[in-house]
């Protein structure tokens, strides 16, 4: 199952790492410095003193990822409305 997480902050990042560790085909939509850090270093999650790192495709352009089976929107409410158009097929 192809899962895209739109927003790779605290919630999206946690979901991305955990889903990837569970075997899902995960990709991320992020922006700016955070996007570059994910591309260069993978998505890093610090949990209970343990450092978890997973590498997955990350982009700022949803169209680059193609069709997805599931899209998880992990944005703040004011960002979600601005982003809704980018999710259209």
N, C-alpha and C. Protein backbone atom coordinates (compact mmCIF):
# COMPACT_ATOMS: atom_id res chain seq x y z
N UNK A 1 0.85 -1.18 0.00
CA UNK A 1 0.00 0.00 0.00
C UNK A 1 0.89 1.24 0.00
N UNK A 2 0.63 2.15 -0.92
CA UNK A 2 1.37 3.41 -1.00
C UNK A 2 0.68 4.44 -0.12
N UNK A 3 1.43 4.93 0.86
CA UNK A 3 0.90 5.91 1.81
C UNK A 3 1.71 7.19 1.70
N UNK A 4 1.04 8.30 1.51
CA UNK A 4 1.67 9.61 1.47
C UNK A 4 1.26 10.38 2.72
N UNK A 5 2.24 10.96 3.39
CA UNK A 5 1.96 11.80 4.54
C UNK A 5 2.23 13.25 4.14
N UNK A 6 1.18 14.04 4.18
CA UNK A 6 1.26 15.45 3.80
C UNK A 6 1.51 16.25 5.07
N UNK A 7 2.77 16.61 5.29
CA UNK A 7 3.17 17.30 6.51
C UNK A 7 4.03 16.38 7.35
N UNK A 8 5.32 16.68 7.42
CA UNK A 8 6.26 15.79 8.11
C UNK A 8 6.76 16.41 9.41
N UNK A 9 5.87 17.10 10.11
CA UNK A 9 6.23 17.66 11.41
C UNK A 9 6.15 16.59 12.49
N UNK A 10 5.79 16.98 13.69
CA UNK A 10 5.78 16.05 14.82
C UNK A 10 4.85 14.86 14.58
N UNK A 11 3.61 15.12 14.21
CA UNK A 11 2.64 14.03 14.01
C UNK A 11 2.95 13.26 12.73
N UNK A 12 3.12 13.97 11.62
CA UNK A 12 3.42 13.31 10.36
C UNK A 12 4.73 12.55 10.40
N UNK A 13 5.73 13.13 11.06
CA UNK A 13 7.02 12.45 11.19
C UNK A 13 6.92 11.16 11.98
N UNK A 14 6.19 11.21 13.08
CA UNK A 14 5.99 10.01 13.90
C UNK A 14 5.29 8.93 13.07
N UNK A 15 4.19 9.31 12.41
CA UNK A 15 3.45 8.34 11.60
C UNK A 15 4.33 7.78 10.48
N UNK A 16 5.10 8.64 9.83
CA UNK A 16 5.96 8.19 8.75
C UNK A 16 6.97 7.14 9.19
N UNK A 17 7.66 7.42 10.28
CA UNK A 17 8.67 6.48 10.77
C UNK A 17 8.01 5.17 11.20
N UNK A 18 6.93 5.25 11.94
CA UNK A 18 6.30 4.02 12.44
C UNK A 18 5.70 3.19 11.30
N UNK A 19 5.05 3.83 10.33
CA UNK A 19 4.50 3.09 9.20
C UNK A 19 5.61 2.45 8.37
N UNK A 20 6.69 3.18 8.14
CA UNK A 20 7.82 2.64 7.38
C UNK A 20 8.44 1.45 8.10
N UNK A 21 8.60 1.57 9.40
CA UNK A 21 9.15 0.45 10.18
C UNK A 21 8.22 -0.76 10.15
N UNK A 22 6.94 -0.51 9.94
CA UNK A 22 5.97 -1.59 9.84
C UNK A 22 5.87 -2.19 8.45
N UNK A 23 6.65 -1.67 7.51
CA UNK A 23 6.70 -2.25 6.18
C UNK A 23 5.91 -1.52 5.11
N UNK A 24 5.31 -0.39 5.44
CA UNK A 24 4.52 0.36 4.46
C UNK A 24 5.43 1.10 3.48
N UNK A 25 4.92 1.35 2.30
CA UNK A 25 5.58 2.14 1.27
C UNK A 25 5.18 3.60 1.51
N UNK A 26 6.02 4.34 2.24
CA UNK A 26 5.67 5.68 2.72
C UNK A 26 6.45 6.74 1.95
N UNK A 27 5.78 7.83 1.62
CA UNK A 27 6.43 9.02 1.06
C UNK A 27 5.92 10.23 1.83
N UNK A 28 6.68 11.32 1.75
CA UNK A 28 6.37 12.52 2.53
C UNK A 28 6.27 13.75 1.65
N UNK A 29 5.39 14.65 2.06
CA UNK A 29 5.33 15.99 1.49
C UNK A 29 5.80 16.93 2.60
N UNK A 30 6.88 17.65 2.34
CA UNK A 30 7.43 18.58 3.32
C UNK A 30 7.90 19.81 2.56
N UNK A 31 8.51 20.76 3.27
CA UNK A 31 8.99 21.97 2.60
C UNK A 31 10.20 22.53 3.32
N UNK A 32 10.91 23.40 2.63
CA UNK A 32 12.01 24.16 3.20
C UNK A 32 13.15 23.33 3.75
N UNK A 33 13.72 23.83 4.84
CA UNK A 33 14.87 23.19 5.47
C UNK A 33 14.55 21.78 5.95
N UNK A 34 13.32 21.58 6.40
CA UNK A 34 12.93 20.25 6.90
C UNK A 34 12.95 19.23 5.76
N UNK A 35 12.49 19.63 4.60
CA UNK A 35 12.53 18.75 3.42
C UNK A 35 13.97 18.38 3.09
N UNK A 36 14.85 19.36 3.07
CA UNK A 36 16.25 19.09 2.75
C UNK A 36 16.89 18.16 3.79
N UNK A 37 16.57 18.37 5.06
CA UNK A 37 17.11 17.50 6.11
C UNK A 37 16.63 16.06 5.93
N UNK A 38 15.36 15.88 5.58
CA UNK A 38 14.83 14.53 5.36
C UNK A 38 15.52 13.89 4.16
N UNK A 39 15.69 14.64 3.10
CA UNK A 39 16.37 14.10 1.91
C UNK A 39 17.81 13.71 2.21
N UNK A 40 18.50 14.51 3.01
CA UNK A 40 19.91 14.27 3.29
C UNK A 40 20.15 13.24 4.38
N UNK A 41 19.29 13.21 5.40
CA UNK A 41 19.56 12.39 6.58
C UNK A 41 18.50 11.35 6.89
N UNK A 42 17.42 11.31 6.14
CA UNK A 42 16.29 10.47 6.49
C UNK A 42 15.43 11.18 7.52
N UNK A 43 14.32 10.56 7.86
CA UNK A 43 13.42 11.13 8.86
C UNK A 43 13.81 10.56 10.22
N UNK A 44 14.22 11.42 11.13
CA UNK A 44 14.74 11.00 12.42
C UNK A 44 13.69 11.25 13.50
N UNK A 45 13.44 10.23 14.30
CA UNK A 45 12.48 10.31 15.40
C UNK A 45 13.20 9.90 16.68
N UNK A 46 13.14 10.75 17.69
CA UNK A 46 13.70 10.42 19.00
C UNK A 46 12.54 10.01 19.89
N UNK A 47 12.57 8.76 20.36
CA UNK A 47 11.46 8.24 21.14
C UNK A 47 11.99 7.39 22.28
N UNK A 48 11.64 7.77 23.49
CA UNK A 48 12.07 7.04 24.68
C UNK A 48 13.58 6.85 24.71
N UNK A 49 14.32 7.89 24.33
CA UNK A 49 15.77 7.85 24.36
C UNK A 49 16.40 7.10 23.20
N UNK A 50 15.60 6.59 22.30
CA UNK A 50 16.10 5.85 21.15
C UNK A 50 15.97 6.71 19.89
N UNK A 51 16.99 6.64 19.04
CA UNK A 51 16.98 7.39 17.78
C UNK A 51 16.56 6.44 16.67
N UNK A 52 15.42 6.73 16.06
CA UNK A 52 14.91 5.92 14.95
C UNK A 52 15.05 6.74 13.68
N UNK A 53 15.61 6.17 12.64
CA UNK A 53 15.80 6.89 11.38
C UNK A 53 15.32 6.01 10.23
N UNK A 54 14.48 6.58 9.38
CA UNK A 54 13.99 5.88 8.20
C UNK A 54 14.16 6.78 6.98
N UNK A 55 14.58 6.19 5.89
CA UNK A 55 14.70 6.93 4.63
C UNK A 55 13.48 6.62 3.77
N UNK A 56 12.93 7.66 3.17
CA UNK A 56 11.77 7.50 2.30
C UNK A 56 11.72 8.68 1.34
N UNK A 57 11.04 8.53 0.21
CA UNK A 57 10.93 9.65 -0.72
C UNK A 57 10.27 10.85 -0.06
N UNK A 58 10.81 12.04 -0.35
CA UNK A 58 10.24 13.28 0.20
C UNK A 58 10.31 14.35 -0.88
N UNK A 59 9.25 15.13 -0.98
CA UNK A 59 9.16 16.18 -1.99
C UNK A 59 8.26 17.30 -1.49
N UNK A 60 8.32 18.43 -2.16
CA UNK A 60 7.38 19.51 -1.86
C UNK A 60 6.24 19.53 -2.88
N UNK A 61 6.34 18.69 -3.91
CA UNK A 61 5.35 18.66 -4.99
C UNK A 61 4.62 17.32 -5.01
N UNK A 62 3.37 17.27 -4.55
CA UNK A 62 2.63 16.00 -4.50
C UNK A 62 2.55 15.29 -5.85
N UNK A 63 2.53 16.03 -6.95
CA UNK A 63 2.41 15.42 -8.28
C UNK A 63 3.60 14.51 -8.60
N UNK A 64 4.76 14.76 -7.98
CA UNK A 64 5.94 13.94 -8.22
C UNK A 64 5.76 12.51 -7.73
N UNK A 65 4.87 12.30 -6.79
CA UNK A 65 4.72 10.98 -6.17
C UNK A 65 3.74 10.08 -6.91
N UNK A 66 2.92 10.65 -7.76
CA UNK A 66 1.94 9.84 -8.48
C UNK A 66 0.79 9.41 -7.58
N UNK A 67 -0.07 8.52 -8.09
CA UNK A 67 -1.23 8.07 -7.32
C UNK A 67 -0.83 7.36 -6.02
N UNK A 68 -1.63 7.57 -5.00
CA UNK A 68 -1.40 6.96 -3.69
C UNK A 68 -2.65 6.19 -3.27
N UNK A 69 -2.47 5.16 -2.47
CA UNK A 69 -3.61 4.42 -1.92
C UNK A 69 -4.23 5.15 -0.74
N UNK A 70 -3.39 5.87 0.00
CA UNK A 70 -3.85 6.56 1.20
C UNK A 70 -3.03 7.84 1.37
N UNK A 71 -3.70 8.94 1.68
CA UNK A 71 -3.02 10.20 1.99
C UNK A 71 -3.43 10.62 3.39
N UNK A 72 -2.44 10.80 4.24
CA UNK A 72 -2.67 11.26 5.61
C UNK A 72 -2.29 12.74 5.66
N UNK A 73 -3.23 13.58 6.00
CA UNK A 73 -2.96 15.01 6.12
C UNK A 73 -2.62 15.30 7.57
N UNK A 74 -1.37 15.67 7.81
CA UNK A 74 -0.88 15.93 9.16
C UNK A 74 -0.42 17.38 9.26
N UNK A 75 -1.35 18.27 9.03
CA UNK A 75 -1.07 19.71 9.05
C UNK A 75 -1.92 20.39 10.11
N UNK A 76 -1.51 21.59 10.48
CA UNK A 76 -2.36 22.41 11.34
C UNK A 76 -3.59 22.82 10.54
N UNK A 77 -4.68 23.11 11.22
CA UNK A 77 -5.96 23.37 10.55
C UNK A 77 -5.86 24.46 9.49
N UNK A 78 -5.18 25.57 9.79
CA UNK A 78 -5.12 26.65 8.81
C UNK A 78 -4.31 26.26 7.58
N UNK A 79 -3.36 25.34 7.73
CA UNK A 79 -2.58 24.87 6.58
C UNK A 79 -3.37 23.87 5.75
N UNK A 80 -4.21 23.09 6.38
CA UNK A 80 -4.94 22.03 5.68
C UNK A 80 -5.85 22.61 4.61
N UNK A 81 -6.54 23.70 4.91
CA UNK A 81 -7.43 24.30 3.93
C UNK A 81 -6.65 24.84 2.74
N UNK A 82 -5.50 25.43 3.02
CA UNK A 82 -4.67 25.96 1.94
C UNK A 82 -4.14 24.85 1.04
N UNK A 83 -4.01 23.67 1.58
CA UNK A 83 -3.39 22.55 0.89
C UNK A 83 -4.38 21.67 0.16
N UNK A 84 -5.64 21.78 0.45
CA UNK A 84 -6.65 20.87 -0.10
C UNK A 84 -6.60 20.78 -1.62
N UNK A 85 -6.37 21.87 -2.30
CA UNK A 85 -6.33 21.85 -3.77
C UNK A 85 -5.19 21.00 -4.30
N UNK A 86 -4.08 20.95 -3.58
CA UNK A 86 -2.93 20.17 -4.03
C UNK A 86 -3.19 18.67 -3.97
N UNK A 87 -4.21 18.27 -3.24
CA UNK A 87 -4.52 16.84 -3.10
C UNK A 87 -5.43 16.33 -4.20
N UNK A 88 -5.99 17.21 -4.99
CA UNK A 88 -6.91 16.79 -6.05
C UNK A 88 -6.18 15.92 -7.08
N UNK A 89 -6.88 14.93 -7.64
CA UNK A 89 -6.24 14.06 -8.64
C UNK A 89 -5.85 14.82 -9.89
